Each structure stands twice: as structure tokens, then as C-alpha cells.
Amino acid sequence: MPKKKTDCKNCDDLTARLDRLEKRLEIQEETSRHWKKRWGIVDDKLRKAEGEISILKVENAKLKKIIEKKDAQISSLQKKLYAASTEVSPPSPQEEETLEAAPPKRPRGKQPGSKGFGRKIRTELPLEERIHDISPSQKHCSKCGCERVQLPFTEDSEEIDFSYRLVRVRHKRRKYKQACACKNEQPIVTASAPSKLIPKGMFSTEFWSHVLLEKFLLQRPTSRICMSLDLHGLKVSEGTIASGLKHLTKLFACLYNEIRREARQSNHWQMDETHWKVFTDLQGKANHTWWLWVTETSNVTVFKLDPTRSSSVPMKLLNGIETGILTCDRYSGYKPLQEQGILLSYCWSHVRRDFIKLREGYPTLKTFATRWIKKIDDLFHFNKQRASTPTAELDVHGICERMEREAKRLLKTKNLHDEARSTLVSLLNHWSGLTLFLKFPAVPMDNNASERALRNPVVGRKNYYGSRSIWSGSLAAMLFSIFATVKKNKGDPHEFLNRYLKACAENKGKPPEDLSSFLPWKTIEPDQLRMVH
């Protein structure tokens, strides 16, 4: 049966439509593949971006911590440069209210209208009397010319005078010749020459005593000493002074060794160290920074200059000693001493400074640090009262127990600041040494005595920067030790040095054979007053 024209036309339309749909499907599939590919690329980029964001977040957190730490360091350095040098805690708001409510304090010093004590008579100084007479015209009556009669008493007044005089001393040795005919007698006898500290030296014992005191006790630079001498009429070069000091170095070694030997006899020491420049190139050492170590005992002070800050210095001083207590900071150089039996008592003042740094450098930790500083202040307060107040013993033990529990509890928390965590970890790591004073009440809570001993040498370091040579550094350490030991035993460094140098001069410029009379802890009574020059 023949097909109709309408059916053929419909079939062609359907075929054309099918072709169009197939083309559209191909286009859609191509578009789908394109966008799937684009989605895969974008997804990879998104994953990569998320990874980078995570890394940046971690880096940002690290940088924030670094910035916070740097800000704390800047704050600490600015405080050292510009702020008052004090570790006194500011008053709390409650204490400020109490201070405001309290009546005003009386001004310092003598109060207006109060009775005076009169002028103090300095009986410890030698007395020199100077007679003041009236003029010759006043000795006679202005009317008749009759001579006035001198009364047996005077009108006296006193003043303090200072006499600084440089003189040339000419020694004239008398000679005597033989006036008899006796044989085997020396025809001419000459008086013995005065003893000299330096053979054929230009300067006297008293002169060198003055230079040593100026340089190593008053910490004046050699150039200033020469300037002072020039003001009094003596021109002398720094090289001349340095040459004489080098010659004198050998005179103090034996006395210094006796002081070191005495330090070893103690059973409690305090040690500290500070940097000291020695401007001499040393093989294997890249810089000029040496270290001045100090050891304090009850009766001597020992300084030791060494190129290093290693543990070999304290170990060499205390070598062979198996019992005793060393009060020091938490520097690792002292810790090897524990292996030979010495107990380390750590300084609470250094722990307190850790919390002060947190308070000053990290605003978010101010409350935390202030609370711990208050605990340490209370510990110092009650420890001072242990000898006089029976209940203070319980208070001290109670404070230590609460501090230990609090530190352990805080370290278990996850959100504790890293710097606070580091400080508390250090506190607990050194806890046995920090609480050693509980078992031995005579042991101090700090090593402030050794820090105070370093103050005078530090003044010298500021004034003349250190030592130009190794021998001058050794001389500085020896004289720092001698002067500090004399002062510790209530002696007079001027009198002691004059006496010792005169003994050396009488021994032909060598140290005296018997040093027993020059050991301050033996020759000076503890309650002896300052000697009169």
C-alpha cells in the first residue's frame, strides 16, 4: 500500500528533531565534561587553599607568640634603660586605699623646732693643735702701753681639715769613719738604705698604696689617677703606673691563695658571675669577654677571672669537697657540683624576677604574675620571722606546700600561656633546691650577698671597661678579693695595705715569710672599729 505524503513528512520532522536533540545532548555532555573538569580544578585549588590557610593560621599563631615575646623583651629592655632600678611591687588597689586613708607620714630628717644633738666631735681622727695669737700691737694697752698678761686658757673651736701633699723625700744616710787605730774594723760605716717595695723604684710604699686603693677599691681609671696626681704637681705617665702595677702583682698571689684556701674550709658558699673584658687575643677565643666569678663565705670573698663561663671554675674551687651547701642561681654551670655531694640552694629572688618579667611584658598574665609575686613576698616575710616567731615556721611550710600544689594544678590545664607554663616548669624542676632553706634555716633564700659583692667591680667595669692584659686582670681579681675580705672582717683597707706593703718592702720586695698576721679573719676582731690612719 503506498505511503502517504503526510507520514513521510512527519518522519522527516522526527528525524530532524532527533538529530537536533542528539546534537544538543552532545553539547550538554561536552559542557558537563567541561564543568566537571573545571570543578575538579577549582576543588583542587580549594583544597590547596584550605591547606595554605591552615599553615598560615599556624604561622600566624607562631608569629603572634614571637611578637608577644619580642614586645616583652622590648618592655624589659626599656625598663632597664629608662625605669627606676627596683624590684619593689606596686601597691594593690586595697593597699592604695589603706595608704590614702592612713595619716601622712612624718617627713624624713630632723623636724622643725626639735632639739638638736650638737655638733659631733670626731674623736676617731688625730688632733692637730694650731695656736692663733693676737697681733703685737694688741698685746699692749692702747692708752698707756702696758703689756697685757696672757691667760692660762684659750678659746677653742674645731674644724675638719684635709691635707693631700706630694713631696720629694731625700734620704740622707749618715757616714761615720773610724777614729781609733784598731785593726780589722770597717773604716767607714754608712746608715742602711730605707726599704724599697720595688728595687731602685722612684715611688714609695705609701705612693703605691694610694694608687692601688684608687684603682681597685675606688675603681678610678689609671688616666684619672694620673690626672689627679698632675693636679697636685706630679706628671706621671700611665705606662709608668702600669709597669709598677705589673711588678707588684707577684706580691699578692700568696695572700690571695690563702683567701682561696680559707674559702674551701667553709661549708656554705654563695656564688655568682659577671662578664669582664680582657683586651688580649687568646688562641681559640673569638672575643674579649671573660668572666669574673665571686665566691662568698662567712669570712672571705674570692674573685676569680676566667676566660670561660663553664662549670670548671666552681668545680676547681670546690674540688674534693664532698659536703656543703652552695647558694646560687639556676645557671647550669653550678649543677655538676651535685655529683660530688654538694647541695644546691637556688635563689628565690631570681624566681621572683621571672614572674616580674611576666607581669611587665605580658599584659594578659599580669594578674597571674602578681599573685605569684605576692606568694613569694609572703615567703620572704615569714622566713625572716622564723627565728623570733614560732608560728612563722608553720607559715613558711604552708606557703611552700600551697605553691607546689598550685603550680602542679596549673600545669595540667591546656589553655595555660606558654611563658607561664615555662616559668612554672622551671619552678618545679628546681623545687628541691628552692626549698632547701626549710631544712637548713641558716641558709638564705637568695644569693644577694654574692650579687652585692660584684657591685664594686662592676663600677670599675663601667669606668675603665675591664683589663688590658691578663696580668692586670689577675691583679684586679686578687685585690678585689683582698679588699672585700678586709671590709667583710670590719678592717680598714688603707691601713691593711700600708702594713702589708711595708712588710713586703722590709723583705726586699718579696711577700713576707709569715702571713698569719695579714689574714683578716684571724687578725681583725669582728667588732673592731675602723682604724685611724
Protein backbone atom coordinates (compact mmCIF):
# COMPACT_ATOMS: atom_id res chain seq x y z
CA MET A 1 0.00 0.00 0.00
CA PRO A 2 1.61 3.29 -0.99
CA LYS A 3 2.74 5.68 1.80
CA LYS A 4 1.02 8.90 2.32
CA LYS A 5 2.88 12.14 1.90
CA THR A 6 1.90 13.30 5.40
CA ASP A 7 3.54 10.28 7.03
CA CYS A 8 6.82 10.88 5.23
CA LYS A 9 6.81 14.46 6.25
CA ASN A 10 6.27 13.56 9.94
CA CYS A 11 9.04 11.02 9.78
CA ASP A 12 11.44 13.57 8.35
CA ASP A 13 10.47 16.04 11.06
CA LEU A 14 11.07 13.46 13.74
CA THR A 15 14.41 12.52 12.25
CA ALA A 16 15.47 16.15 12.12
CA ARG A 17 14.28 16.69 15.64
CA LEU A 18 16.16 13.62 16.80
CA ASP A 19 19.31 14.93 15.16
CA ARG A 20 18.88 18.26 16.88
CA LEU A 21 18.34 16.55 20.23
CA GLU A 22 21.40 14.37 19.71
CA LYS A 23 23.47 17.45 18.92
CA ARG A 24 22.12 19.22 21.99
CA LEU A 25 22.90 16.14 24.06
CA GLU A 26 26.44 16.09 22.72
CA ILE A 27 26.77 19.79 23.53
CA GLN A 28 25.38 19.22 27.04
CA GLU A 29 27.71 16.29 27.58
CA GLU A 30 30.64 18.37 26.37
CA THR A 31 29.56 21.21 28.64
CA SER A 32 29.18 18.78 31.53
CA ARG A 33 32.64 17.37 30.93
CA HIS A 34 33.99 20.93 30.77
CA TRP A 35 32.39 21.97 34.03
CA LYS A 36 33.36 18.71 35.73
CA LYS A 37 36.92 19.41 34.69
CA ARG A 38 36.63 23.00 35.91
CA TRP A 39 35.07 21.78 39.16
CA GLY A 40 37.96 19.37 39.66
CA ILE A 41 40.46 22.18 39.10
CA VAL A 42 38.58 24.51 41.46
CA ASP A 43 38.24 21.71 44.02
CA ASP A 44 41.98 21.11 43.91
CA LYS A 45 42.60 24.83 44.29
CA LEU A 46 40.14 24.95 47.19
CA ARG A 47 41.80 22.03 48.94
CA LYS A 48 45.20 23.64 48.36
CA ALA A 49 43.91 27.00 49.64
CA GLU A 50 42.46 25.35 52.73
CA GLY A 51 45.81 23.70 53.38
CA GLU A 52 47.60 27.01 52.91
CA ILE A 53 45.11 28.72 55.22
CA SER A 54 45.76 26.09 57.89
CA ILE A 55 49.51 26.61 57.52
CA LEU A 56 49.08 30.38 57.64
CA LYS A 57 46.94 30.10 60.75
CA VAL A 58 49.67 28.09 62.45
CA GLU A 59 52.33 30.54 61.25
CA ASN A 60 50.17 33.46 62.34
CA ALA A 61 49.81 31.96 65.81
CA LYS A 62 53.58 31.43 65.96
CA LEU A 63 54.23 34.99 64.78
CA LYS A 64 51.81 36.35 67.37
CA LYS A 65 53.73 34.49 70.07
CA ILE A 66 57.04 35.78 68.69
CA ILE A 67 55.70 39.35 68.57
CA GLU A 68 54.35 38.98 72.10
CA LYS A 69 57.74 37.71 73.26
CA LYS A 70 59.58 40.49 71.41
CA ASP A 71 57.25 43.07 72.95
CA ALA A 72 58.04 41.61 76.37
CA GLN A 73 61.77 41.83 75.63
CA ILE A 74 61.41 45.42 74.41
CA SER A 75 59.46 46.30 77.55
CA SER A 76 62.13 44.68 79.72
CA LEU A 77 64.98 46.49 77.92
CA GLN A 78 63.15 49.83 78.08
CA LYS A 79 62.66 49.32 81.80
CA LYS A 80 66.38 48.62 82.22
CA LEU A 81 67.28 51.76 80.27
CA TYR A 82 64.74 54.28 81.49
CA ALA A 83 62.84 52.98 84.52
CA ALA A 84 63.98 53.04 88.13
CA SER A 85 66.16 50.07 89.05
CA THR A 86 63.89 48.45 91.61
CA GLU A 87 62.00 45.19 92.07
CA VAL A 88 59.54 46.59 94.61
CA SER A 89 55.99 45.58 93.72
CA PRO A 90 53.47 48.39 93.21
CA PRO A 91 50.72 48.52 95.86
CA SER A 92 47.47 46.71 95.15
CA PRO A 93 44.17 48.69 94.96
CA GLN A 94 43.33 47.62 98.53
CA GLU A 95 46.77 48.75 99.74
CA GLU A 96 46.37 52.06 97.88
CA GLU A 97 43.07 52.68 99.70
CA THR A 98 44.77 51.90 103.02
CA LEU A 99 47.63 54.28 102.18
CA GLU A 100 45.19 57.04 101.23
CA ALA A 101 43.24 56.58 104.47
CA ALA A 102 46.37 56.48 106.62
CA PRO A 103 47.66 59.73 108.13
CA PRO A 104 50.52 61.38 106.22
CA LYS A 105 53.98 60.16 107.13
CA ARG A 106 56.35 62.41 109.00
CA PRO A 107 58.97 63.98 106.71
CA ARG A 108 62.42 62.46 106.82
CA GLY A 109 65.20 64.05 108.84
CA LYS A 110 65.25 66.48 111.71
CA GLN A 111 61.87 68.06 112.40
CA PRO A 112 61.49 71.85 112.67
CA GLY A 113 61.53 73.04 116.29
CA SER A 114 63.04 69.85 117.72
CA LYS A 115 66.07 69.99 119.98
CA GLY A 116 69.40 69.37 118.29
CA PHE A 117 72.13 66.96 119.37
CA GLY A 118 75.00 69.39 118.96
CA ARG A 119 77.99 69.11 116.68
CA LYS A 120 79.56 65.66 116.64
CA ILE A 121 83.18 65.59 117.80
CA ARG A 122 85.21 63.31 115.52
CA THR A 123 87.38 61.78 118.21
CA GLU A 124 88.50 58.99 115.86
CA LEU A 125 90.64 61.48 113.89
CA PRO A 126 94.10 62.57 115.09
CA LEU A 127 94.16 66.02 116.66
CA GLU A 128 96.48 68.76 115.45
CA GLU A 129 96.58 71.96 117.52
CA ARG A 130 97.25 75.30 115.85
CA ILE A 131 97.94 78.32 118.05
CA HIS A 132 96.44 81.66 116.97
CA ASP A 133 97.95 84.67 118.70
CA ILE A 134 96.90 88.30 118.74
CA SER A 135 98.93 90.88 116.84
CA PRO A 136 101.91 92.55 118.64
CA SER A 137 100.04 95.86 118.82
CA GLN A 138 97.14 94.19 120.64
CA LYS A 139 99.49 92.80 123.31
CA HIS A 140 99.82 96.29 124.84
CA CYS A 141 97.29 98.72 126.24
CA SER A 142 96.29 101.27 123.62
CA LYS A 143 96.23 104.02 126.30
CA CYS A 144 99.33 103.54 128.48
CA GLY A 145 101.25 100.88 126.56
CA CYS A 146 101.31 98.44 129.49
CA GLU A 147 101.84 94.82 128.38
CA ARG A 148 98.83 92.52 128.64
CA VAL A 149 99.08 89.30 130.72
CA GLN A 150 98.45 86.00 128.88
CA LEU A 151 95.68 83.92 130.44
CA PRO A 152 96.24 80.20 131.11
CA PHE A 153 93.23 79.13 128.99
CA THR A 154 92.22 79.55 125.34
CA GLU A 155 89.04 79.85 123.35
CA ASP A 156 88.84 76.64 121.31
CA SER A 157 86.97 75.58 118.17
CA GLU A 158 87.43 72.67 115.78
CA GLU A 159 87.18 72.06 112.05
CA ILE A 160 87.94 69.08 109.81
CA ASP A 161 90.94 69.67 107.54
CA PHE A 162 92.11 67.62 104.56
CA SER A 163 95.77 67.60 103.57
CA TYR A 164 96.89 65.94 100.32
CA ARG A 165 100.57 66.55 99.67
CA LEU A 166 103.06 65.09 97.20
CA VAL A 167 106.68 65.60 98.26
CA ARG A 168 110.15 64.51 97.23
CA VAL A 169 111.78 62.60 100.07
CA ARG A 170 115.57 62.88 100.05
CA HIS A 171 117.12 60.12 102.13
CA LYS A 172 120.47 61.24 103.63
CA ARG A 173 122.40 58.30 105.01
CA ARG A 174 124.94 59.42 107.56
CA LYS A 175 128.52 58.13 107.37
CA TYR A 176 130.94 57.55 110.23
CA LYS A 177 134.68 56.98 109.93
CA GLN A 178 136.94 55.08 112.29
CA ALA A 179 138.57 57.32 114.89
CA CYS A 180 140.74 54.64 116.51
CA ALA A 181 143.72 52.56 115.39
CA CYS A 182 142.02 49.17 115.83
CA LYS A 183 142.63 46.71 113.04
CA ASN A 184 140.07 44.62 111.07
CA GLU A 185 137.41 47.27 111.56
CA GLN A 186 135.41 48.84 108.77
CA PRO A 187 136.89 52.30 108.23
CA ILE A 188 133.61 53.95 107.13
CA VAL A 189 130.13 52.87 108.25
CA THR A 190 127.05 54.11 106.35
CA ALA A 191 123.47 54.01 107.59
CA SER A 192 121.32 51.34 105.98
CA ALA A 193 119.22 52.33 102.98
CA PRO A 194 115.45 52.55 103.55
CA SER A 195 113.48 49.50 102.47
CA LYS A 196 112.07 49.68 98.92
CA LEU A 197 109.00 47.97 97.59
CA ILE A 198 110.40 47.99 94.04
CA PRO A 199 114.23 47.86 93.87
CA LYS A 200 115.56 51.21 92.64
CA GLY A 201 111.97 52.36 92.26
CA MET A 202 111.04 56.03 92.14
CA PHE A 203 107.91 55.80 94.26
CA SER A 204 107.44 54.98 97.93
CA THR A 205 105.33 52.29 99.54
CA GLU A 206 102.67 54.85 100.52
CA PHE A 207 102.51 56.07 96.91
CA TRP A 208 101.78 52.58 95.56
CA SER A 209 99.27 52.01 98.34
CA HIS A 210 97.45 55.14 97.20
CA VAL A 211 97.45 54.01 93.55
CA LEU A 212 96.17 50.52 94.39
CA LEU A 213 93.34 51.88 96.53
CA GLU A 214 92.35 54.40 93.87
CA LYS A 215 92.36 51.80 91.10
CA PHE A 216 90.96 48.65 92.71
CA LEU A 217 88.87 49.93 95.63
CA LEU A 218 87.58 53.30 94.39
CA GLN A 219 87.55 51.99 90.77
CA ARG A 220 89.16 55.02 89.14
CA PRO A 221 90.77 54.60 85.70
CA THR A 222 94.55 54.91 85.51
CA SER A 223 94.16 58.02 83.36
CA ARG A 224 92.13 59.70 86.12
CA ILE A 225 94.70 58.72 88.74
CA CYS A 226 97.41 60.36 86.61
CA MET A 227 95.19 63.42 86.18
CA SER A 228 94.71 63.65 89.95
CA LEU A 229 98.47 63.44 90.50
CA ASP A 230 99.00 66.11 87.85
CA LEU A 231 96.63 68.43 89.72
CA HIS A 232 98.96 68.10 92.71
CA GLY A 233 102.08 68.82 90.70
CA LEU A 234 103.32 65.36 89.63
CA LYS A 235 103.32 64.46 85.96
CA VAL A 236 103.49 60.69 85.54
CA SER A 237 102.54 58.57 82.53
CA GLU A 238 100.03 55.73 82.51
CA GLY A 239 102.80 53.41 81.28
CA THR A 240 104.88 54.13 84.38
CA ILE A 241 101.94 53.29 86.64
CA ALA A 242 101.16 50.13 84.65
CA SER A 243 104.79 48.98 84.82
CA GLY A 244 104.81 49.37 88.60
CA LEU A 245 101.49 47.55 89.00
CA LYS A 246 102.81 44.64 86.94
CA HIS A 247 105.82 44.40 89.27
CA LEU A 248 103.53 44.39 92.33
CA THR A 249 101.33 41.55 91.03
CA LYS A 250 103.61 38.84 92.45
CA LEU A 251 103.31 40.30 95.97
CA PHE A 252 99.61 39.45 96.31
CA ALA A 253 99.49 35.91 94.89
CA CYS A 254 100.37 34.17 98.17
CA LEU A 255 97.84 36.22 100.16
CA TYR A 256 95.19 35.54 97.52
CA ASN A 257 95.88 31.80 97.71
CA GLU A 258 95.40 31.91 101.49
CA ILE A 259 91.99 33.54 100.99
CA ARG A 260 91.02 30.83 98.49
CA ARG A 261 92.22 28.15 100.90
CA GLU A 262 90.11 29.66 103.67
CA ALA A 263 87.06 29.70 101.39
CA ARG A 264 87.39 25.94 100.94
CA GLN A 265 87.18 25.45 104.71
CA SER A 266 83.60 26.70 104.78
CA ASN A 267 80.50 24.51 104.44
CA HIS A 268 78.29 27.17 102.86
CA TRP A 269 79.11 29.31 99.83
CA GLN A 270 77.34 31.83 97.64
CA MET A 271 78.47 32.18 94.03
CA ASP A 272 77.71 34.42 91.08
CA GLU A 273 79.45 35.65 87.94
CA THR A 274 79.51 38.65 85.59
CA HIS A 275 81.28 39.43 82.34
CA TRP A 276 84.64 41.22 82.33
CA LYS A 277 86.58 42.40 79.27
CA VAL A 278 90.24 41.40 78.86
CA PHE A 279 91.61 43.07 75.74
CA THR A 280 94.13 40.38 74.87
CA ASP A 281 93.79 37.98 71.95
CA LEU A 282 93.66 34.42 73.23
CA GLN A 283 94.15 31.47 70.90
CA GLY A 284 90.86 29.69 70.34
CA LYS A 285 88.79 32.55 71.81
CA ALA A 286 86.80 34.65 69.35
CA ASN A 287 86.13 37.64 71.61
CA HIS A 288 87.48 39.54 74.62
CA THR A 289 84.68 38.59 77.03
CA TRP A 290 85.96 36.87 80.17
CA TRP A 291 84.03 36.08 83.33
CA LEU A 292 84.57 37.38 86.85
CA TRP A 293 83.37 34.78 89.36
CA VAL A 294 82.77 35.58 93.02
CA THR A 295 82.53 33.19 95.97
CA GLU A 296 81.17 34.46 99.28
CA THR A 297 81.59 32.74 102.65
CA SER A 298 81.03 34.00 106.18
CA ASN A 299 84.54 35.49 106.46
CA VAL A 300 86.13 35.75 102.99
CA THR A 301 85.30 36.85 99.46
CA VAL A 302 87.10 35.30 96.49
CA PHE A 303 87.10 36.65 92.94
CA LYS A 304 88.34 34.55 90.03
CA LEU A 305 88.83 35.76 86.46
CA ASP A 306 88.44 33.06 83.83
CA PRO A 307 88.08 33.02 80.02
CA THR A 308 85.01 30.78 80.22
CA ARG A 309 81.70 30.55 82.00
CA SER A 310 81.89 26.78 82.23
CA SER A 311 81.35 24.59 85.27
CA SER A 312 85.12 24.01 85.52
CA VAL A 313 85.53 27.24 87.52
CA PRO A 314 83.30 26.38 90.54
CA MET A 315 84.37 22.74 90.34
CA LYS A 316 88.03 23.73 90.52
CA LEU A 317 87.43 25.93 93.57
CA LEU A 318 85.43 23.24 95.40
CA ASN A 319 87.34 20.27 94.05
CA GLY A 320 87.48 17.40 96.56
CA ILE A 321 84.80 18.85 98.85
CA GLU A 322 82.04 16.28 99.35
CA THR A 323 79.67 18.10 101.71
CA GLY A 324 78.31 21.62 101.90
CA ILE A 325 75.64 23.92 100.51
CA LEU A 326 76.06 26.31 97.59
CA THR A 327 73.55 29.14 97.20
CA CYS A 328 73.39 30.22 93.56
CA ASP A 329 71.08 30.99 90.66
CA ARG A 330 69.77 28.28 88.31
CA TYR A 331 72.69 28.54 85.86
CA SER A 332 73.63 25.05 84.63
CA GLY A 333 77.33 25.64 85.33
CA TYR A 334 76.75 25.01 89.05
CA LYS A 335 74.73 21.79 88.68
CA PRO A 336 77.70 19.38 88.16
CA LEU A 337 78.70 20.13 91.78
CA GLN A 338 75.79 17.96 92.89
CA GLU A 339 77.64 14.90 91.59
CA GLN A 340 80.32 15.32 94.25
CA GLY A 341 77.80 15.70 97.09
CA ILE A 342 77.31 19.48 97.33
CA LEU A 343 73.69 20.60 97.77
CA LEU A 344 72.46 23.50 95.64
CA SER A 345 70.19 26.07 97.26
CA TYR A 346 68.59 28.10 94.48
CA CYS A 347 67.82 31.80 94.70
CA TRP A 348 64.18 32.82 95.19
CA SER A 349 64.94 36.37 94.02
CA HIS A 350 65.69 35.01 90.54
CA VAL A 351 62.39 33.10 90.55
CA ARG A 352 60.61 36.28 91.58
CA ARG A 353 62.25 38.11 88.65
CA ASP A 354 60.78 35.53 86.27
CA PHE A 355 57.29 36.50 87.41
CA ILE A 356 58.17 40.21 87.29
CA LYS A 357 59.11 39.75 83.61
CA LEU A 358 55.74 38.10 83.00
CA ARG A 359 53.94 40.94 84.77
CA GLU A 360 55.79 43.69 82.91
CA GLY A 361 55.98 42.04 79.48
CA TYR A 362 52.69 40.17 79.07
CA PRO A 363 49.56 42.22 79.88
CA THR A 364 47.36 39.09 79.79
CA LEU A 365 49.50 37.50 82.53
CA LYS A 366 49.60 40.50 84.86
CA THR A 367 47.08 39.09 87.35
CA PHE A 368 48.67 35.65 87.26
CA ALA A 369 52.19 37.02 87.83
CA THR A 370 51.11 39.47 90.54
CA ARG A 371 49.51 36.65 92.52
CA TRP A 372 52.70 34.59 92.41
CA ILE A 373 54.88 37.56 93.33
CA LYS A 374 52.68 38.09 96.38
CA LYS A 375 53.19 34.45 97.39
CA ILE A 376 56.98 34.82 97.13
CA ASP A 377 56.90 38.12 99.07
CA ASP A 378 54.97 36.40 101.86
CA LEU A 379 57.51 33.59 101.86
CA PHE A 380 60.37 36.07 102.35
CA HIS A 381 58.42 37.89 105.06
CA PHE A 382 57.66 34.84 107.20
CA ASN A 383 61.10 33.31 106.66
CA LYS A 384 62.67 36.39 108.28
CA GLN A 385 60.48 35.81 111.35
CA ARG A 386 61.28 32.10 111.77
CA ALA A 387 63.89 32.70 114.48
CA SER A 388 61.70 35.03 116.58
CA THR A 389 58.15 33.83 115.90
CA PRO A 390 57.28 30.13 116.43
CA THR A 391 54.21 30.26 114.16
CA ALA A 392 56.28 31.58 111.25
CA GLU A 393 57.79 28.11 110.76
CA LEU A 394 54.34 26.68 110.01
CA ASP A 395 53.51 29.65 107.78
CA VAL A 396 56.63 29.13 105.66
CA HIS A 397 55.99 25.40 105.21
CA GLY A 398 52.33 26.08 104.42
CA ILE A 399 53.15 28.67 101.74
CA CYS A 400 55.60 26.29 100.05
CA GLU A 401 53.09 23.43 100.04
CA ARG A 402 50.35 25.62 98.56
CA MET A 403 52.70 26.98 95.90
CA GLU A 404 53.72 23.47 94.83
CA ARG A 405 50.09 22.29 94.61
CA GLU A 406 49.05 25.39 92.68
CA ALA A 407 51.89 25.01 90.17
CA LYS A 408 51.08 21.34 89.53
CA ARG A 409 47.37 22.13 89.11
CA LEU A 410 48.01 24.94 86.61
CA LEU A 411 50.36 22.80 84.53
CA LYS A 412 47.52 20.29 83.97
CA THR A 413 45.34 22.94 82.28
CA LYS A 414 45.50 23.04 78.47
CA ASN A 415 44.95 26.76 77.92
CA LEU A 416 47.88 27.92 80.08
CA HIS A 417 50.08 30.55 78.40
CA ASP A 418 53.38 29.15 77.09
CA GLU A 419 55.52 31.63 79.05
CA ALA A 420 53.60 30.97 82.25
CA ARG A 421 53.97 27.23 81.67
CA SER A 422 57.71 27.59 81.09
CA THR A 423 58.11 29.58 84.32
CA LEU A 424 56.15 27.05 86.38
CA VAL A 425 58.04 24.11 84.86
CA SER A 426 61.33 25.75 85.85
CA LEU A 427 59.94 26.37 89.34
CA LEU A 428 59.06 22.71 89.88
CA ASN A 429 62.26 21.42 88.24
CA HIS A 430 64.29 23.33 90.85
CA TRP A 431 61.84 22.82 93.73
CA SER A 432 64.13 20.65 95.89
CA GLY A 433 66.88 23.30 95.77
CA LEU A 434 64.44 26.16 96.27
CA THR A 435 63.04 24.58 99.45
CA LEU A 436 66.39 23.56 100.93
CA PHE A 437 66.18 26.55 103.30
CA LEU A 438 63.25 24.82 105.05
CA LYS A 439 65.58 22.07 106.25
CA PHE A 440 68.52 24.42 106.95
CA PRO A 441 67.19 27.71 108.42
CA ALA A 442 70.66 29.29 108.36
CA VAL A 443 70.75 29.06 104.55
CA PRO A 444 69.45 32.29 102.94
CA MET A 445 66.63 32.25 100.40
CA ASP A 446 68.67 34.25 97.89
CA ASN A 447 72.23 34.83 96.73
CA ASN A 448 72.03 38.61 97.11
CA ALA A 449 75.28 38.67 99.10
CA SER A 450 77.28 37.48 96.09
CA GLU A 451 75.43 39.91 93.82
CA ARG A 452 76.30 42.78 96.17
CA ALA A 453 79.95 41.67 96.19
CA LEU A 454 80.03 42.17 92.41
CA ARG A 455 78.77 45.75 92.58
CA ASN A 456 82.15 47.37 93.23
CA PRO A 457 83.94 45.54 90.37
CA VAL A 458 81.02 46.41 88.09
CA VAL A 459 81.67 50.10 88.84
CA GLY A 460 85.25 49.51 87.69
CA ARG A 461 83.99 47.78 84.55
CA LYS A 462 81.89 50.83 83.74
CA ASN A 463 84.76 53.23 84.43
CA TYR A 464 87.68 51.51 82.69
CA TYR A 465 85.92 48.77 80.68
CA GLY A 466 87.96 45.86 82.07
CA SER A 467 91.63 44.87 81.82
CA ARG A 468 94.12 45.50 79.04
CA SER A 469 96.16 42.35 79.72
CA ILE A 470 95.88 39.02 81.50
CA TRP A 471 98.25 40.00 84.33
CA SER A 472 96.24 43.16 85.07
CA GLY A 473 93.03 41.11 85.15
CA SER A 474 94.64 38.70 87.61
CA LEU A 475 95.82 41.62 89.76
CA ALA A 476 92.29 43.06 89.73
CA ALA A 477 90.77 39.74 90.88
CA MET A 478 93.36 39.38 93.66
CA LEU A 479 92.90 42.91 95.00
CA PHE A 480 89.11 42.73 94.70
CA SER A 481 89.34 39.62 96.90
CA ILE A 482 91.72 41.17 99.43
CA PHE A 483 89.82 44.45 99.83
CA ALA A 484 86.42 42.70 100.04
CA THR A 485 87.74 40.25 102.65
CA VAL A 486 89.25 43.04 104.76
CA LYS A 487 85.99 45.00 104.65
CA LYS A 488 83.96 41.87 105.44
CA ASN A 489 86.02 41.48 108.63
CA LYS A 490 85.48 45.18 109.57
CA GLY A 491 89.05 46.16 108.73
CA ASP A 492 90.48 49.29 107.13
CA PRO A 493 91.79 48.58 103.58
CA HIS A 494 94.12 51.61 103.73
CA GLU A 495 95.78 50.55 106.98
CA PHE A 496 95.93 46.89 105.92
CA LEU A 497 97.51 47.63 102.54
CA ASN A 498 100.08 50.01 104.02
CA ARG A 499 101.05 47.44 106.63
CA TYR A 500 101.32 44.61 104.12
CA LEU A 501 103.34 46.59 101.55
CA LYS A 502 105.74 47.79 104.26
CA ALA A 503 106.28 44.16 105.28
CA CYS A 504 106.99 43.31 101.63
CA ALA A 505 109.44 46.21 101.36
CA GLU A 506 111.24 45.10 104.52
CA ASN A 507 111.52 41.62 102.96
CA LYS A 508 113.43 43.04 99.97
CA GLY A 509 110.38 43.43 97.74
CA LYS A 510 109.04 39.93 98.38
CA PRO A 511 105.94 38.71 100.26
CA PRO A 512 106.59 38.18 103.98
CA GLU A 513 107.51 34.66 105.04
CA ASP A 514 104.79 34.53 107.71
CA LEU A 515 101.36 35.63 106.50
CA SER A 516 99.47 34.84 109.71
CA SER A 517 99.42 38.49 110.78
CA PHE A 518 97.92 39.51 107.41
CA LEU A 519 94.93 37.18 107.33
CA PRO A 520 91.92 39.45 108.07
CA TRP A 521 89.74 36.68 109.52
CA LYS A 522 92.46 35.99 112.11
CA THR A 523 93.96 39.40 112.83
CA ILE A 524 90.81 41.56 112.88
CA GLU A 525 88.21 41.13 115.59
CA PRO A 526 84.60 41.01 114.34
CA ASP A 527 83.61 44.04 116.41
CA GLN A 528 86.77 46.04 115.72
CA LEU A 529 86.09 49.63 114.75
CA ARG A 530 87.63 51.31 111.74
CA MET A 531 91.30 52.03 112.41
CA VAL A 532 92.66 55.55 112.48
CA HIS A 533 95.20 56.30 109.79
